[in-house]
Amino acid sequence: MEIQDEGSLGFWITHPDPNWWRDNRDIDFPEFGQTPIFIGVKKHSDGILKVNISGPFSQRFSFNAPCPEPKPGRGVFFGASWTGGVLTVFLNGKQVAEMRAKESPPSGASPAC
């Protein structure tokens, strides 16, 4: 089984400004990951986090969610797991998204007309 088919990851979203999560600035966090999984996070001025995830099920996923209040001294904890064609995402331990992989046609199948 490959990491694209089943896996999980977790990390802290942090910023030097303690009010980053509620101010009216856009903040782009550096994309990170290791082939084949990559994550990009942006906090919009309206307090919405946009997260792009590439790799699970060899596809790209994107979702928006309100940025929760950071844990003091830590930040916002991001967690994701994927298995059985479903990617589930958590912020500070609360599920904020569940996305299904797009089905690919069977190998050798002809495209629909």
C-alpha atoms as a PDB file:
ATOM      1  CA  MET A   1       0.000   0.000   0.000  1.00  0.00           C
ATOM      2  CA  GLU A   2       1.281   3.480  -0.904  1.00  0.00           C
ATOM      3  CA  ILE A   3       1.101   6.650   1.228  1.00  0.00           C
ATOM      4  CA  GLN A   4      -1.246   8.119  -1.397  1.00  0.00           C
ATOM      5  CA  ASP A   5      -3.799   5.373  -0.607  1.00  0.00           C
ATOM      6  CA  GLU A   6      -3.792   5.522   3.181  1.00  0.00           C
ATOM      7  CA  GLY A   7      -2.096   7.796   5.691  1.00  0.00           C
ATOM      8  CA  SER A   8      -2.308  10.612   8.182  1.00  0.00           C
ATOM      9  CA  LEU A   9      -0.416  13.727   9.137  1.00  0.00           C
ATOM     10  CA  GLY A  10      -0.539  16.465  11.725  1.00  0.00           C
ATOM     11  CA  PHE A  11       1.188  19.779  12.324  1.00  0.00           C
ATOM     12  CA  TRP A  12       0.842  23.105  14.126  1.00  0.00           C
ATOM     13  CA  ILE A  13      -0.039  26.268  12.187  1.00  0.00           C
ATOM     14  CA  THR A  14       1.844  29.072  13.962  1.00  0.00           C
ATOM     15  CA  HIS A  15       2.809  32.689  13.390  1.00  0.00           C
ATOM     16  CA  PRO A  16       4.999  35.116  15.388  1.00  0.00           C
ATOM     17  CA  ASP A  17       2.084  37.586  15.756  1.00  0.00           C
ATOM     18  CA  PRO A  18      -0.214  36.261  18.528  1.00  0.00           C
ATOM     19  CA  ASN A  19      -3.221  37.918  16.842  1.00  0.00           C
ATOM     20  CA  TRP A  20      -2.549  36.445  13.398  1.00  0.00           C
ATOM     21  CA  TRP A  21      -5.668  34.301  13.440  1.00  0.00           C
ATOM     22  CA  ARG A  22      -8.099  37.191  13.974  1.00  0.00           C
ATOM     23  CA  ASP A  23      -6.530  40.222  12.300  1.00  0.00           C
ATOM     24  CA  ASN A  24      -7.499  41.477   8.845  1.00  0.00           C
ATOM     25  CA  ARG A  25      -4.309  40.444   7.031  1.00  0.00           C
ATOM     26  CA  ASP A  26      -3.867  37.724   4.462  1.00  0.00           C
ATOM     27  CA  ILE A  27      -1.092  35.358   5.558  1.00  0.00           C
ATOM     28  CA  ASP A  28       0.479  32.821   3.213  1.00  0.00           C
ATOM     29  CA  PHE A  29       2.253  30.025   5.051  1.00  0.00           C
ATOM     30  CA  PRO A  30       5.038  28.283   3.110  1.00  0.00           C
ATOM     31  CA  GLU A  31       3.988  25.143   1.254  1.00  0.00           C
ATOM     32  CA  PHE A  32       5.593  22.060   2.694  1.00  0.00           C
ATOM     33  CA  GLY A  33       5.629  18.319   2.391  1.00  0.00           C
ATOM     34  CA  GLN A  34       7.580  15.515   0.901  1.00  0.00           C
ATOM     35  CA  THR A  35       6.827  13.773  -2.369  1.00  0.00           C
ATOM     36  CA  PRO A  36       4.083  12.728  -2.933  1.00  0.00           C
ATOM     37  CA  ILE A  37       2.191  14.705  -0.216  1.00  0.00           C
ATOM     38  CA  PHE A  38       2.181  18.540  -0.138  1.00  0.00           C
ATOM     39  CA  ILE A  39       0.176  21.048   1.930  1.00  0.00           C
ATOM     40  CA  GLY A  40      -0.452  24.767   1.395  1.00  0.00           C
ATOM     41  CA  VAL A  41      -2.204  26.988   3.970  1.00  0.00           C
ATOM     42  CA  LYS A  42      -3.423  30.585   3.650  1.00  0.00           C
ATOM     43  CA  LYS A  43      -5.289  32.659   6.242  1.00  0.00           C
ATOM     44  CA  HIS A  44      -7.565  35.179   4.529  1.00  0.00           C
ATOM     45  CA  SER A  45      -8.312  38.628   5.951  1.00  0.00           C
ATOM     46  CA  ASP A  46     -11.833  37.451   6.869  1.00  0.00           C
ATOM     47  CA  GLY A  47     -10.418  34.754   9.196  1.00  0.00           C
ATOM     48  CA  ILE A  48     -10.967  31.847   6.821  1.00  0.00           C
ATOM     49  CA  LEU A  49      -8.223  29.261   6.384  1.00  0.00           C
ATOM     50  CA  LYS A  50      -7.811  27.868   2.874  1.00  0.00           C
ATOM     51  CA  VAL A  51      -5.943  24.581   2.751  1.00  0.00           C
ATOM     52  CA  ASN A  52      -4.728  22.807  -0.387  1.00  0.00           C
ATOM     53  CA  ILE A  53      -3.642  19.191  -0.056  1.00  0.00           C
ATOM     54  CA  SER A  54      -1.965  17.335  -2.914  1.00  0.00           C
ATOM     55  CA  GLY A  55      -1.187  13.660  -2.900  1.00  0.00           C
ATOM     56  CA  PRO A  56      -3.821  11.581  -1.089  1.00  0.00           C
ATOM     57  CA  PHE A  57      -5.358   9.206  -3.653  1.00  0.00           C
ATOM     58  CA  SER A  58      -3.009  10.922  -6.171  1.00  0.00           C
ATOM     59  CA  GLN A  59      -5.420  13.884  -6.281  1.00  0.00           C
ATOM     60  CA  ARG A  60      -5.699  17.502  -5.111  1.00  0.00           C
ATOM     61  CA  PHE A  61      -8.122  18.630  -2.420  1.00  0.00           C
ATOM     62  CA  SER A  62      -9.023  22.110  -1.221  1.00  0.00           C
ATOM     63  CA  PHE A  63     -11.250  23.378   1.569  1.00  0.00           C
ATOM     64  CA  ASN A  64     -12.058  26.538   3.527  1.00  0.00           C
ATOM     65  CA  ALA A  65     -12.874  26.708   7.235  1.00  0.00           C
ATOM     66  CA  PRO A  66     -13.018  29.422   9.898  1.00  0.00           C
ATOM     67  CA  CYS A  67      -9.694  29.676  11.707  1.00  0.00           C
ATOM     68  CA  PRO A  68     -10.196  28.492  15.296  1.00  0.00           C
ATOM     69  CA  GLU A  69      -8.502  30.232  18.200  1.00  0.00           C
ATOM     70  CA  PRO A  70      -4.921  28.979  18.554  1.00  0.00           C
ATOM     71  CA  LYS A  71      -3.887  26.922  21.567  1.00  0.00           C
ATOM     72  CA  PRO A  72      -1.745  29.213  23.778  1.00  0.00           C
ATOM     73  CA  GLY A  73       1.922  28.864  22.923  1.00  0.00           C
ATOM     74  CA  ARG A  74       1.215  26.233  20.241  1.00  0.00           C
ATOM     75  CA  GLY A  75      -1.011  27.479  17.403  1.00  0.00           C
ATOM     76  CA  VAL A  76      -3.811  25.767  15.492  1.00  0.00           C
ATOM     77  CA  PHE A  77      -3.411  22.006  15.174  1.00  0.00           C
ATOM     78  CA  PHE A  78      -4.104  20.607  11.703  1.00  0.00           C
ATOM     79  CA  GLY A  79      -4.748  16.902  11.304  1.00  0.00           C
ATOM     80  CA  ALA A  80      -5.728  14.861   8.263  1.00  0.00           C
ATOM     81  CA  SER A  81      -6.242  11.191   7.544  1.00  0.00           C
ATOM     82  CA  TRP A  82      -7.155   9.382   4.364  1.00  0.00           C
ATOM     83  CA  THR A  83      -8.267   5.851   3.658  1.00  0.00           C
ATOM     84  CA  GLY A  84     -10.891   4.126   1.521  1.00  0.00           C
ATOM     85  CA  GLY A  85     -11.192   7.100  -0.833  1.00  0.00           C
ATOM     86  CA  VAL A  86     -12.111   9.561   1.954  1.00  0.00           C
ATOM     87  CA  LEU A  87      -9.951  12.436   3.244  1.00  0.00           C
ATOM     88  CA  THR A  88     -10.960  13.763   6.687  1.00  0.00           C
ATOM     89  CA  VAL A  89      -9.541  17.038   8.040  1.00  0.00           C
ATOM     90  CA  PHE A  90      -9.451  18.380  11.602  1.00  0.00           C
ATOM     91  CA  LEU A  91      -8.582  21.774  13.131  1.00  0.00           C
ATOM     92  CA  ASN A  92      -7.824  21.736  16.872  1.00  0.00           C
ATOM     93  CA  GLY A  93      -9.312  18.245  17.047  1.00  0.00           C
ATOM     94  CA  LYS A  94     -12.667  19.199  15.488  1.00  0.00           C
ATOM     95  CA  GLN A  95     -13.617  17.692  12.128  1.00  0.00           C
ATOM     96  CA  VAL A  96     -13.990  20.511   9.593  1.00  0.00           C
ATOM     97  CA  ALA A  97     -14.042  18.670   6.260  1.00  0.00           C
ATOM     98  CA  GLU A  98     -14.615  15.283   4.705  1.00  0.00           C
ATOM     99  CA  MET A  99     -13.922  14.893   1.009  1.00  0.00           C
ATOM    100  CA  ARG A 100     -14.252  11.929  -1.326  1.00  0.00           C
ATOM    101  CA  ALA A 101     -11.713  11.111  -4.001  1.00  0.00           C
ATOM    102  CA  LYS A 102     -12.867  11.360  -7.591  1.00  0.00           C
ATOM    103  CA  GLU A 103     -13.161   7.951  -9.151  1.00  0.00           C
ATOM    104  CA  SER A 104     -10.804   7.194 -11.996  1.00  0.00           C
ATOM    105  CA  PRO A 105     -11.915   5.014 -14.899  1.00  0.00           C
ATOM    106  CA  PRO A 106     -10.563   1.456 -14.731  1.00  0.00           C
ATOM    107  CA  SER A 107      -7.224   0.965 -16.433  1.00  0.00           C
ATOM    108  CA  GLY A 108      -7.719   0.497 -20.178  1.00  0.00           C
ATOM    109  CA  ALA A 109     -11.298   1.827 -20.135  1.00  0.00           C
ATOM    110  CA  SER A 110     -12.408   4.059 -22.988  1.00  0.00           C
ATOM    111  CA  PRO A 111     -13.494   7.591 -22.100  1.00  0.00           C
ATOM    112  CA  ALA A 112     -17.227   8.288 -22.298  1.00  0.00           C
ATOM    113  CA  CYS A 113     -18.406  10.164 -25.403  1.00  0.00           C
END
